[in-house]
Amino acid sequence: MKEIELSDPYITPYRGIYAICDSKNEYAEIIEHSNCYGGAAWSKFHYSHSPLILDTRSIGNMIRYIVKTGTSTLELKPSTAAAGIESVVVEGDEVHITYAGLGGGGVGATKCRAFADGVLRCNYTESGGGRAAKGTIVVPKRERVLIGIDDTDTKEEGATWTLTHNMAKALDCNESIYLSHSLVQLFPVSARTQNCVSTVLEFGCVDENAKQELLESVKAALLKYSVSDETGMVVLSDFDAKKINEYSTKCRSGELTKEYAIQYAKDNGVDIWLDGNGVIGALASLAWFAQPDESVKLKAQLE
């Protein structure tokens, strides 16, 4: 028998909790990075009944909630709606998120989230047993930064998806959180190295300085490690990437020119950081951020 010592047997802190907001602070995406997927899946089911929740999905061990900001009244019910998000309020450069829950759901709503990375401060009631509990955490307001990259390899060496992930992981920090990585299958054009796949990286940045440092660092890493002379890097800072849907659909169903890609980027607020031929696929990848299970299918439909 192996005897274990638990510092607190009834707290399983989340790895991190982050809030991405739109430009008007009307909508937010609450992203919870879990250490226990079973508990997070329970929350996902119960939180989906909260009035503020518009959409819920999981990617790996991250649960993502699209919410309407504001305050609601939760009607907590054991077993069916035992926990939820009561309010999401944006104040300056901070987001205040209030959770509530019954029993074990109350433990998750309080200490488990209060002790997550990225939480600036918190307050919560006692939880556990048969009690109802409530907790509020304050996290930085973040802007979504999407980085599309393609053509970092040649027919002899390299792989864009591995390079981009390794760069993103190395640059992951509290100011610029690395949120997702999607491989995007493109139309198999004649100029491809092999599989014709681009990559989109998703970050959550706390301010303009953090974003600028991140982008300069990504560009520098691409110039250092790319083995291709045609690398493309494009950047979109927005809550969603719907403006890229039309272009992405075209790129995944036929061959496009570099000139068309550059003009489309300029017309839709996408910044070009590296203008090799890879901008064609890099631009198409932006529409598929945080959809890694769908983006690998050539015939998949955008959400």
C-alpha atoms as a PDB file:
ATOM      1  CA  MET A   1       0.000   0.000   0.000  1.00  0.00           C
ATOM      2  CA  LYS A   2       1.168   3.509  -0.823  1.00  0.00           C
ATOM      3  CA  GLU A   3       0.037   6.157   1.616  1.00  0.00           C
ATOM      4  CA  ILE A   4      -0.618   9.550   0.051  1.00  0.00           C
ATOM      5  CA  GLU A   5      -0.702  13.006   1.588  1.00  0.00           C
ATOM      6  CA  LEU A   6      -3.049  15.554  -0.003  1.00  0.00           C
ATOM      7  CA  SER A   7      -2.570  19.201   0.914  1.00  0.00           C
ATOM      8  CA  ASP A   8      -6.265  19.849   0.219  1.00  0.00           C
ATOM      9  CA  PRO A   9      -8.273  16.819  -0.952  1.00  0.00           C
ATOM     10  CA  TYR A  10     -11.256  18.930  -2.006  1.00  0.00           C
ATOM     11  CA  ILE A  11      -9.586  21.462  -4.289  1.00  0.00           C
ATOM     12  CA  THR A  12      -8.514  20.740  -7.875  1.00  0.00           C
ATOM     13  CA  PRO A  13      -7.390  24.125  -9.258  1.00  0.00           C
ATOM     14  CA  TYR A  14      -7.880  24.896 -12.910  1.00  0.00           C
ATOM     15  CA  ARG A  15      -4.668  25.436 -14.880  1.00  0.00           C
ATOM     16  CA  GLY A  16      -5.903  28.789 -16.081  1.00  0.00           C
ATOM     17  CA  ILE A  17      -8.994  30.866 -16.831  1.00  0.00           C
ATOM     18  CA  TYR A  18      -8.987  33.525 -19.543  1.00  0.00           C
ATOM     19  CA  ALA A  19     -11.507  36.019 -20.958  1.00  0.00           C
ATOM     20  CA  ILE A  20     -11.502  37.237 -24.570  1.00  0.00           C
ATOM     21  CA  CYS A  21     -13.775  40.237 -25.232  1.00  0.00           C
ATOM     22  CA  ASP A  22     -15.155  41.814 -28.372  1.00  0.00           C
ATOM     23  CA  SER A  23     -14.424  45.459 -29.164  1.00  0.00           C
ATOM     24  CA  LYS A  24     -17.676  46.689 -27.577  1.00  0.00           C
ATOM     25  CA  ASN A  25     -17.488  44.441 -24.494  1.00  0.00           C
ATOM     26  CA  GLU A  26     -20.885  43.001 -25.422  1.00  0.00           C
ATOM     27  CA  TYR A  27     -19.647  39.453 -25.807  1.00  0.00           C
ATOM     28  CA  ALA A  28     -16.876  37.423 -24.266  1.00  0.00           C
ATOM     29  CA  GLU A  29     -15.384  33.986 -24.518  1.00  0.00           C
ATOM     30  CA  ILE A  30     -14.528  32.427 -21.180  1.00  0.00           C
ATOM     31  CA  ILE A  31     -11.821  29.813 -21.690  1.00  0.00           C
ATOM     32  CA  GLU A  32     -11.158  27.418 -18.834  1.00  0.00           C
ATOM     33  CA  HIS A  33      -8.038  25.231 -18.963  1.00  0.00           C
ATOM     34  CA  SER A  34      -8.748  22.250 -16.749  1.00  0.00           C
ATOM     35  CA  ASN A  35      -6.593  19.858 -14.748  1.00  0.00           C
ATOM     36  CA  CYS A  36      -9.495  17.402 -14.483  1.00  0.00           C
ATOM     37  CA  TYR A  37     -11.479  16.928 -17.673  1.00  0.00           C
ATOM     38  CA  GLY A  38     -14.201  14.921 -15.917  1.00  0.00           C
ATOM     39  CA  GLY A  39     -15.013  17.839 -13.635  1.00  0.00           C
ATOM     40  CA  ALA A  40     -14.804  20.299 -16.521  1.00  0.00           C
ATOM     41  CA  ALA A  41     -17.181  18.181 -18.622  1.00  0.00           C
ATOM     42  CA  TRP A  42     -19.672  18.191 -15.741  1.00  0.00           C
ATOM     43  CA  SER A  43     -19.412  21.993 -15.631  1.00  0.00           C
ATOM     44  CA  LYS A  44     -19.820  22.224 -19.388  1.00  0.00           C
ATOM     45  CA  PHE A  45     -23.121  20.342 -19.212  1.00  0.00           C
ATOM     46  CA  HIS A  46     -24.549  22.267 -16.278  1.00  0.00           C
ATOM     47  CA  TYR A  47     -23.237  25.704 -17.279  1.00  0.00           C
ATOM     48  CA  SER A  48     -24.838  25.346 -20.711  1.00  0.00           C
ATOM     49  CA  HIS A  49     -28.182  26.032 -19.006  1.00  0.00           C
ATOM     50  CA  SER A  50     -27.046  29.457 -17.742  1.00  0.00           C
ATOM     51  CA  PRO A  51     -28.978  32.326 -19.391  1.00  0.00           C
ATOM     52  CA  LEU A  52     -25.800  34.171 -20.422  1.00  0.00           C
ATOM     53  CA  ILE A  53     -24.274  31.190 -22.251  1.00  0.00           C
ATOM     54  CA  LEU A  54     -24.659  31.336 -26.032  1.00  0.00           C
ATOM     55  CA  ASP A  55     -22.397  28.456 -27.041  1.00  0.00           C
ATOM     56  CA  THR A  56     -20.283  25.839 -25.294  1.00  0.00           C
ATOM     57  CA  ARG A  57     -17.606  23.526 -26.661  1.00  0.00           C
ATOM     58  CA  SER A  58     -14.487  21.677 -25.627  1.00  0.00           C
ATOM     59  CA  ILE A  59     -11.107  21.521 -27.339  1.00  0.00           C
ATOM     60  CA  GLY A  60      -8.751  19.108 -25.657  1.00  0.00           C
ATOM     61  CA  ASN A  61      -8.857  19.942 -21.952  1.00  0.00           C
ATOM     62  CA  MET A  62     -10.123  23.479 -22.533  1.00  0.00           C
ATOM     63  CA  ILE A  63     -13.819  24.309 -22.150  1.00  0.00           C
ATOM     64  CA  ARG A  64     -14.884  27.432 -24.024  1.00  0.00           C
ATOM     65  CA  TYR A  65     -18.045  29.446 -23.287  1.00  0.00           C
ATOM     66  CA  ILE A  66     -19.308  32.191 -25.588  1.00  0.00           C
ATOM     67  CA  VAL A  67     -21.329  34.508 -23.351  1.00  0.00           C
ATOM     68  CA  LYS A  68     -23.362  37.679 -23.474  1.00  0.00           C
ATOM     69  CA  THR A  69     -21.902  40.022 -20.882  1.00  0.00           C
ATOM     70  CA  GLY A  70     -24.112  41.138 -18.016  1.00  0.00           C
ATOM     71  CA  THR A  71     -25.847  39.621 -15.015  1.00  0.00           C
ATOM     72  CA  SER A  72     -28.489  36.899 -14.857  1.00  0.00           C
ATOM     73  CA  THR A  73     -30.500  35.021 -12.259  1.00  0.00           C
ATOM     74  CA  LEU A  74     -29.594  31.353 -11.919  1.00  0.00           C
ATOM     75  CA  GLU A  75     -32.163  28.773 -10.883  1.00  0.00           C
ATOM     76  CA  LEU A  76     -29.915  26.074  -9.485  1.00  0.00           C
ATOM     77  CA  LYS A  77     -31.386  22.571  -9.415  1.00  0.00           C
ATOM     78  CA  PRO A  78     -29.642  19.442  -8.134  1.00  0.00           C
ATOM     79  CA  SER A  79     -28.502  17.008 -10.840  1.00  0.00           C
ATOM     80  CA  THR A  80     -29.879  18.980 -13.830  1.00  0.00           C
ATOM     81  CA  ALA A  81     -28.706  22.586 -13.438  1.00  0.00           C
ATOM     82  CA  ALA A  82     -26.507  22.434 -10.357  1.00  0.00           C
ATOM     83  CA  ALA A  83     -24.010  25.153 -11.315  1.00  0.00           C
ATOM     84  CA  GLY A  84     -23.615  28.043 -13.699  1.00  0.00           C
ATOM     85  CA  ILE A  85     -22.130  31.381 -14.653  1.00  0.00           C
ATOM     86  CA  GLU A  86     -24.192  34.110 -13.017  1.00  0.00           C
ATOM     87  CA  SER A  87     -22.480  37.201 -14.403  1.00  0.00           C
ATOM     88  CA  VAL A  88     -19.696  38.396 -16.694  1.00  0.00           C
ATOM     89  CA  VAL A  89     -18.956  42.077 -16.180  1.00  0.00           C
ATOM     90  CA  VAL A  90     -16.230  44.067 -17.952  1.00  0.00           C
ATOM     91  CA  GLU A  91     -14.694  46.867 -15.922  1.00  0.00           C
ATOM     92  CA  GLY A  92     -11.845  48.707 -17.632  1.00  0.00           C
ATOM     93  CA  ASP A  93      -9.141  46.182 -18.471  1.00  0.00           C
ATOM     94  CA  GLU A  94     -10.596  43.507 -16.176  1.00  0.00           C
ATOM     95  CA  VAL A  95     -13.380  40.937 -16.426  1.00  0.00           C
ATOM     96  CA  HIS A  96     -15.337  39.890 -13.328  1.00  0.00           C
ATOM     97  CA  ILE A  97     -16.828  36.395 -13.606  1.00  0.00           C
ATOM     98  CA  THR A  98     -19.252  35.104 -10.967  1.00  0.00           C
ATOM     99  CA  TYR A  99     -19.946  31.378 -10.665  1.00  0.00           C
ATOM    100  CA  ALA A 100     -22.470  29.616  -8.443  1.00  0.00           C
ATOM    101  CA  GLY A 101     -23.094  25.980  -7.631  1.00  0.00           C
ATOM    102  CA  LEU A 102     -24.564  23.379  -5.326  1.00  0.00           C
ATOM    103  CA  GLY A 103     -22.532  20.780  -3.424  1.00  0.00           C
ATOM    104  CA  GLY A 104     -19.496  19.672  -5.420  1.00  0.00           C
ATOM    105  CA  GLY A 105     -20.490  22.182  -8.098  1.00  0.00           C
ATOM    106  CA  GLY A 106     -20.082  24.872  -5.473  1.00  0.00           C
ATOM    107  CA  VAL A 107     -16.517  23.706  -4.804  1.00  0.00           C
ATOM    108  CA  GLY A 108     -15.781  24.083  -8.513  1.00  0.00           C
ATOM    109  CA  ALA A 109     -17.468  27.476  -8.567  1.00  0.00           C
ATOM    110  CA  THR A 110     -15.266  28.775  -5.771  1.00  0.00           C
ATOM    111  CA  LYS A 111     -11.834  27.519  -4.790  1.00  0.00           C
ATOM    112  CA  CYS A 112     -11.097  25.406  -7.857  1.00  0.00           C
ATOM    113  CA  ARG A 113     -11.464  28.444 -10.089  1.00  0.00           C
ATOM    114  CA  ALA A 114     -10.173  31.024  -7.629  1.00  0.00           C
ATOM    115  CA  PHE A 115      -6.753  29.375  -7.556  1.00  0.00           C
ATOM    116  CA  ALA A 116      -6.347  29.106 -11.337  1.00  0.00           C
ATOM    117  CA  ASP A 117      -3.429  30.710 -13.129  1.00  0.00           C
ATOM    118  CA  GLY A 118      -4.327  34.089 -14.584  1.00  0.00           C
ATOM    119  CA  VAL A 119      -6.713  35.065 -11.780  1.00  0.00           C
ATOM    120  CA  LEU A 120      -5.872  38.529 -10.447  1.00  0.00           C
ATOM    121  CA  ARG A 121      -8.034  38.316  -7.315  1.00  0.00           C
ATOM    122  CA  CYS A 122     -11.132  36.579  -6.038  1.00  0.00           C
ATOM    123  CA  ASN A 123     -13.753  36.266  -3.331  1.00  0.00           C
ATOM    124  CA  TYR A 124     -15.938  33.297  -2.526  1.00  0.00           C
ATOM    125  CA  THR A 125     -18.255  31.751   0.025  1.00  0.00           C
ATOM    126  CA  GLU A 126     -17.798  28.473   1.858  1.00  0.00           C
ATOM    127  CA  SER A 127     -18.525  25.435  -0.300  1.00  0.00           C
ATOM    128  CA  GLY A 128     -18.861  21.664  -0.179  1.00  0.00           C
ATOM    129  CA  GLY A 129     -21.313  19.270   1.365  1.00  0.00           C
ATOM    130  CA  GLY A 130     -24.913  20.261   0.697  1.00  0.00           C
ATOM    131  CA  ARG A 131     -24.317  24.003   0.564  1.00  0.00           C
ATOM    132  CA  ALA A 132     -24.945  26.480  -2.232  1.00  0.00           C
ATOM    133  CA  ALA A 133     -21.856  28.557  -2.933  1.00  0.00           C
ATOM    134  CA  LYS A 134     -20.775  31.497  -5.047  1.00  0.00           C
ATOM    135  CA  GLY A 135     -17.414  32.823  -6.179  1.00  0.00           C
ATOM    136  CA  THR A 136     -16.174  35.770  -8.238  1.00  0.00           C
ATOM    137  CA  ILE A 137     -12.831  35.829 -10.012  1.00  0.00           C
ATOM    138  CA  VAL A 138     -11.217  38.795 -11.733  1.00  0.00           C
ATOM    139  CA  VAL A 139      -9.087  38.136 -14.819  1.00  0.00           C
ATOM    140  CA  PRO A 140      -7.438  40.436 -17.377  1.00  0.00           C
ATOM    141  CA  LYS A 141      -9.491  41.389 -20.417  1.00  0.00           C
ATOM    142  CA  ARG A 142      -7.778  39.905 -23.468  1.00  0.00           C
ATOM    143  CA  GLU A 143      -7.846  40.487 -27.209  1.00  0.00           C
ATOM    144  CA  ARG A 144      -7.874  37.535 -29.581  1.00  0.00           C
ATOM    145  CA  VAL A 145      -4.824  37.506 -31.859  1.00  0.00           C
ATOM    146  CA  LEU A 146      -4.821  35.048 -34.768  1.00  0.00           C
ATOM    147  CA  ILE A 147      -1.588  34.252 -36.608  1.00  0.00           C
ATOM    148  CA  GLY A 148      -1.795  32.405 -39.914  1.00  0.00           C
ATOM    149  CA  ILE A 149       1.400  30.758 -41.157  1.00  0.00           C
ATOM    150  CA  ASP A 150       2.253  28.689 -44.220  1.00  0.00           C
ATOM    151  CA  ASP A 151       5.187  27.550 -46.330  1.00  0.00           C
ATOM    152  CA  THR A 152       7.964  27.197 -43.757  1.00  0.00           C
ATOM    153  CA  ASP A 153       9.192  23.885 -45.203  1.00  0.00           C
ATOM    154  CA  THR A 154      10.530  22.450 -48.451  1.00  0.00           C
ATOM    155  CA  LYS A 155      10.129  19.087 -50.172  1.00  0.00           C
ATOM    156  CA  GLU A 156      13.322  17.999 -48.421  1.00  0.00           C
ATOM    157  CA  GLU A 157      12.820  19.142 -44.823  1.00  0.00           C
ATOM    158  CA  GLY A 158      10.585  20.856 -42.290  1.00  0.00           C
ATOM    159  CA  ALA A 159       6.929  20.755 -41.189  1.00  0.00           C
ATOM    160  CA  THR A 160       4.922  23.923 -40.602  1.00  0.00           C
ATOM    161  CA  TRP A 161       2.633  22.489 -37.930  1.00  0.00           C
ATOM    162  CA  THR A 162       5.509  21.397 -35.682  1.00  0.00           C
ATOM    163  CA  LEU A 163       7.456  24.627 -36.042  1.00  0.00           C
ATOM    164  CA  THR A 164       4.430  26.798 -35.313  1.00  0.00           C
ATOM    165  CA  HIS A 165       3.439  24.815 -32.218  1.00  0.00           C
ATOM    166  CA  ASN A 166       6.955  24.825 -30.813  1.00  0.00           C
ATOM    167  CA  MET A 167       7.252  28.577 -31.362  1.00  0.00           C
ATOM    168  CA  ALA A 168       3.876  29.236 -29.762  1.00  0.00           C
ATOM    169  CA  LYS A 169       4.662  27.062 -26.763  1.00  0.00           C
ATOM    170  CA  ALA A 170       7.988  28.859 -26.271  1.00  0.00           C
ATOM    171  CA  LEU A 171       6.240  32.255 -26.401  1.00  0.00           C
ATOM    172  CA  ASP A 172       3.313  31.290 -24.152  1.00  0.00           C
ATOM    173  CA  CYS A 173       3.169  33.609 -21.130  1.00  0.00           C
ATOM    174  CA  ASN A 174       0.602  35.305 -18.902  1.00  0.00           C
ATOM    175  CA  GLU A 175       0.558  38.423 -21.106  1.00  0.00           C
ATOM    176  CA  SER A 176       0.090  36.403 -24.310  1.00  0.00           C
ATOM    177  CA  ILE A 177      -1.605  33.087 -23.624  1.00  0.00           C
ATOM    178  CA  TYR A 178      -1.297  30.361 -26.279  1.00  0.00           C
ATOM    179  CA  LEU A 179      -4.884  29.133 -26.705  1.00  0.00           C
ATOM    180  CA  SER A 180      -5.113  26.916 -29.779  1.00  0.00           C
ATOM    181  CA  HIS A 181      -3.388  25.486 -32.844  1.00  0.00           C
ATOM    182  CA  SER A 182      -5.243  24.240 -35.934  1.00  0.00           C
ATOM    183  CA  LEU A 183      -3.930  22.508 -39.043  1.00  0.00           C
ATOM    184  CA  VAL A 184      -5.947  23.668 -42.047  1.00  0.00           C
ATOM    185  CA  GLN A 185      -6.246  21.452 -45.109  1.00  0.00           C
ATOM    186  CA  LEU A 186      -6.055  23.474 -48.313  1.00  0.00           C
ATOM    187  CA  PHE A 187      -6.781  22.650 -51.950  1.00  0.00           C
ATOM    188  CA  PRO A 188      -3.861  20.497 -53.170  1.00  0.00           C
ATOM    189  CA  VAL A 189      -2.224  22.962 -55.539  1.00  0.00           C
ATOM    190  CA  SER A 190       0.744  22.043 -57.727  1.00  0.00           C
ATOM    191  CA  ALA A 191       3.177  24.183 -55.696  1.00  0.00           C
ATOM    192  CA  ARG A 192       2.573  22.294 -52.433  1.00  0.00           C
ATOM    193  CA  THR A 193       5.392  20.564 -50.591  1.00  0.00           C
ATOM    194  CA  GLN A 194       3.297  17.452 -49.855  1.00  0.00           C
ATOM    195  CA  ASN A 195      -0.014  17.732 -47.955  1.00  0.00           C
ATOM    196  CA  CYS A 196      -0.873  21.397 -48.581  1.00  0.00           C
ATOM    197  CA  VAL A 197      -1.669  22.309 -44.979  1.00  0.00           C
ATOM    198  CA  SER A 198      -1.359  25.702 -43.267  1.00  0.00           C
ATOM    199  CA  THR A 199      -1.583  26.550 -39.564  1.00  0.00           C
ATOM    200  CA  VAL A 200      -3.389  29.120 -37.455  1.00  0.00           C
ATOM    201  CA  LEU A 201      -2.265  30.001 -33.927  1.00  0.00           C
ATOM    202  CA  GLU A 202      -4.616  31.641 -31.436  1.00  0.00           C
ATOM    203  CA  PHE A 203      -3.365  33.832 -28.579  1.00  0.00           C
ATOM    204  CA  GLY A 204      -5.075  35.981 -25.960  1.00  0.00           C
ATOM    205  CA  CYS A 205      -3.127  39.202 -25.329  1.00  0.00           C
ATOM    206  CA  VAL A 206      -3.679  41.592 -22.429  1.00  0.00           C
ATOM    207  CA  ASP A 207      -2.646  44.781 -24.261  1.00  0.00           C
ATOM    208  CA  GLU A 208      -1.063  46.247 -27.377  1.00  0.00           C
ATOM    209  CA  ASN A 209       2.475  45.987 -26.023  1.00  0.00           C
ATOM    210  CA  ALA A 210       2.064  42.281 -25.348  1.00  0.00           C
ATOM    211  CA  LYS A 211       0.620  41.734 -28.815  1.00  0.00           C
ATOM    212  CA  GLN A 212       3.402  43.634 -30.543  1.00  0.00           C
ATOM    213  CA  GLU A 213       6.110  41.746 -28.668  1.00  0.00           C
ATOM    214  CA  LEU A 214       4.431  38.437 -29.510  1.00  0.00           C
ATOM    215  CA  LEU A 215       4.164  39.199 -33.229  1.00  0.00           C
ATOM    216  CA  GLU A 216       7.712  40.467 -33.509  1.00  0.00           C
ATOM    217  CA  SER A 217       8.921  37.336 -31.733  1.00  0.00           C
ATOM    218  CA  VAL A 218       6.945  35.025 -34.042  1.00  0.00           C
ATOM    219  CA  LYS A 219       8.295  36.786 -37.123  1.00  0.00           C
ATOM    220  CA  ALA A 220      11.860  36.594 -35.814  1.00  0.00           C
ATOM    221  CA  ALA A 221      11.469  32.883 -35.091  1.00  0.00           C
ATOM    222  CA  LEU A 222      10.103  32.230 -38.573  1.00  0.00           C
ATOM    223  CA  LEU A 223      13.016  34.069 -40.159  1.00  0.00           C
ATOM    224  CA  LYS A 224      15.387  32.028 -37.996  1.00  0.00           C
ATOM    225  CA  TYR A 225      13.894  28.554 -38.401  1.00  0.00           C
ATOM    226  CA  SER A 226      11.941  28.484 -41.664  1.00  0.00           C
ATOM    227  CA  VAL A 227      13.707  26.549 -44.426  1.00  0.00           C
ATOM    228  CA  SER A 228      11.580  28.129 -47.150  1.00  0.00           C
ATOM    229  CA  ASP A 229      12.016  31.454 -48.945  1.00  0.00           C
ATOM    230  CA  GLU A 230       8.249  31.730 -49.447  1.00  0.00           C
ATOM    231  CA  THR A 231       7.006  31.839 -45.840  1.00  0.00           C
ATOM    232  CA  GLY A 232       3.757  33.706 -45.265  1.00  0.00           C
ATOM    233  CA  MET A 233       2.627  35.202 -41.947  1.00  0.00           C
ATOM    234  CA  VAL A 234      -0.621  37.122 -41.522  1.00  0.00           C
ATOM    235  CA  VAL A 235      -2.320  38.495 -38.407  1.00  0.00           C
ATOM    236  CA  LEU A 236      -5.933  39.254 -37.530  1.00  0.00           C
ATOM    237  CA  SER A 237      -6.903  40.806 -34.190  1.00  0.00           C
ATOM    238  CA  ASP A 238     -10.652  40.303 -33.804  1.00  0.00           C
ATOM    239  CA  PHE A 239     -13.244  38.461 -31.719  1.00  0.00           C
ATOM    240  CA  ASP A 240     -14.072  36.219 -34.693  1.00  0.00           C
ATOM    241  CA  ALA A 241     -12.768  35.649 -38.214  1.00  0.00           C
ATOM    242  CA  LYS A 242     -16.014  35.519 -40.177  1.00  0.00           C
ATOM    243  CA  LYS A 243     -14.735  38.102 -42.643  1.00  0.00           C
ATOM    244  CA  ILE A 244     -12.225  35.497 -43.847  1.00  0.00           C
ATOM    245  CA  ASN A 245     -14.804  32.736 -44.423  1.00  0.00           C
ATOM    246  CA  GLU A 246     -15.408  33.538 -48.104  1.00  0.00           C
ATOM    247  CA  TYR A 247     -11.706  33.619 -48.925  1.00  0.00           C
ATOM    248  CA  SER A 248     -11.001  30.435 -46.953  1.00  0.00           C
ATOM    249  CA  THR A 249     -13.734  28.546 -48.770  1.00  0.00           C
ATOM    250  CA  LYS A 250     -12.253  29.570 -52.114  1.00  0.00           C
ATOM    251  CA  CYS A 251      -8.754  28.592 -51.021  1.00  0.00           C
ATOM    252  CA  ARG A 252      -9.941  25.179 -49.906  1.00  0.00           C
ATOM    253  CA  SER A 253     -11.752  24.488 -53.173  1.00  0.00           C
ATOM    254  CA  GLY A 254      -9.401  25.892 -55.815  1.00  0.00           C
ATOM    255  CA  GLU A 255      -6.119  27.604 -56.597  1.00  0.00           C
ATOM    256  CA  LEU A 256      -5.758  31.326 -55.803  1.00  0.00           C
ATOM    257  CA  THR A 257      -3.091  33.876 -56.650  1.00  0.00           C
ATOM    258  CA  LYS A 258      -0.826  35.658 -54.219  1.00  0.00           C
ATOM    259  CA  GLU A 259      -2.057  39.011 -55.543  1.00  0.00           C
ATOM    260  CA  TYR A 260      -5.651  38.102 -54.735  1.00  0.00           C
ATOM    261  CA  ALA A 261      -4.676  37.004 -51.229  1.00  0.00           C
ATOM    262  CA  ILE A 262      -2.793  40.212 -50.486  1.00  0.00           C
ATOM    263  CA  GLN A 263      -5.639  42.399 -51.707  1.00  0.00           C
ATOM    264  CA  TYR A 264      -8.201  40.404 -49.712  1.00  0.00           C
ATOM    265  CA  ALA A 265      -6.061  40.780 -46.591  1.00  0.00           C
ATOM    266  CA  LYS A 266      -5.787  44.539 -47.055  1.00  0.00           C
ATOM    267  CA  ASP A 267      -9.526  44.890 -47.648  1.00  0.00           C
ATOM    268  CA  ASN A 268     -10.380  42.962 -44.486  1.00  0.00           C
ATOM    269  CA  GLY A 269      -8.017  44.347 -41.864  1.00  0.00           C
ATOM    270  CA  VAL A 270      -5.479  41.523 -41.943  1.00  0.00           C
ATOM    271  CA  ASP A 271      -1.841  42.535 -41.446  1.00  0.00           C
ATOM    272  CA  ILE A 272       0.816  40.863 -43.567  1.00  0.00           C
ATOM    273  CA  TRP A 273       4.037  40.267 -41.643  1.00  0.00           C
ATOM    274  CA  LEU A 274       5.800  37.997 -44.142  1.00  0.00           C
ATOM    275  CA  ASP A 275       4.728  38.203 -47.773  1.00  0.00           C
ATOM    276  CA  GLY A 276       6.035  35.026 -49.349  1.00  0.00           C
ATOM    277  CA  ASN A 277       3.779  32.821 -51.454  1.00  0.00           C
ATOM    278  CA  GLY A 278       2.645  31.250 -48.191  1.00  0.00           C
ATOM    279  CA  VAL A 279       0.307  34.204 -47.548  1.00  0.00           C
ATOM    280  CA  ILE A 280      -2.250  32.414 -49.721  1.00  0.00           C
ATOM    281  CA  GLY A 281      -2.651  29.509 -47.299  1.00  0.00           C
ATOM    282  CA  ALA A 282      -1.836  31.533 -44.200  1.00  0.00           C
ATOM    283  CA  LEU A 283      -4.789  33.850 -44.844  1.00  0.00           C
ATOM    284  CA  ALA A 284      -7.152  30.914 -45.389  1.00  0.00           C
ATOM    285  CA  SER A 285      -6.174  29.379 -42.053  1.00  0.00           C
ATOM    286  CA  LEU A 286      -7.452  32.307 -39.969  1.00  0.00           C
ATOM    287  CA  ALA A 287     -11.099  31.306 -40.399  1.00  0.00           C
ATOM    288  CA  TRP A 288     -10.431  27.954 -38.726  1.00  0.00           C
ATOM    289  CA  PHE A 289      -8.990  29.020 -35.388  1.00  0.00           C
ATOM    290  CA  ALA A 290     -10.057  26.780 -32.496  1.00  0.00           C
ATOM    291  CA  GLN A 291     -11.646  24.257 -34.879  1.00  0.00           C
ATOM    292  CA  PRO A 292      -8.848  21.668 -35.109  1.00  0.00           C
ATOM    293  CA  ASP A 293     -11.126  18.659 -35.555  1.00  0.00           C
ATOM    294  CA  GLU A 294     -12.911  20.227 -38.533  1.00  0.00           C
ATOM    295  CA  SER A 295     -10.073  22.181 -40.160  1.00  0.00           C
ATOM    296  CA  VAL A 296      -8.235  18.985 -41.166  1.00  0.00           C
ATOM    297  CA  LYS A 297     -11.144  17.935 -43.387  1.00  0.00           C
ATOM    298  CA  LEU A 298     -11.150  19.491 -46.841  1.00  0.00           C
ATOM    299  CA  LYS A 299     -14.950  19.338 -47.093  1.00  0.00           C
ATOM    300  CA  ALA A 300     -15.699  20.668 -43.598  1.00  0.00           C
ATOM    301  CA  GLN A 301     -18.093  23.585 -43.159  1.00  0.00           C
ATOM    302  CA  LEU A 302     -17.125  26.701 -41.226  1.00  0.00           C
ATOM    303  CA  GLU A 303     -19.069  27.540 -38.105  1.00  0.00           C
END
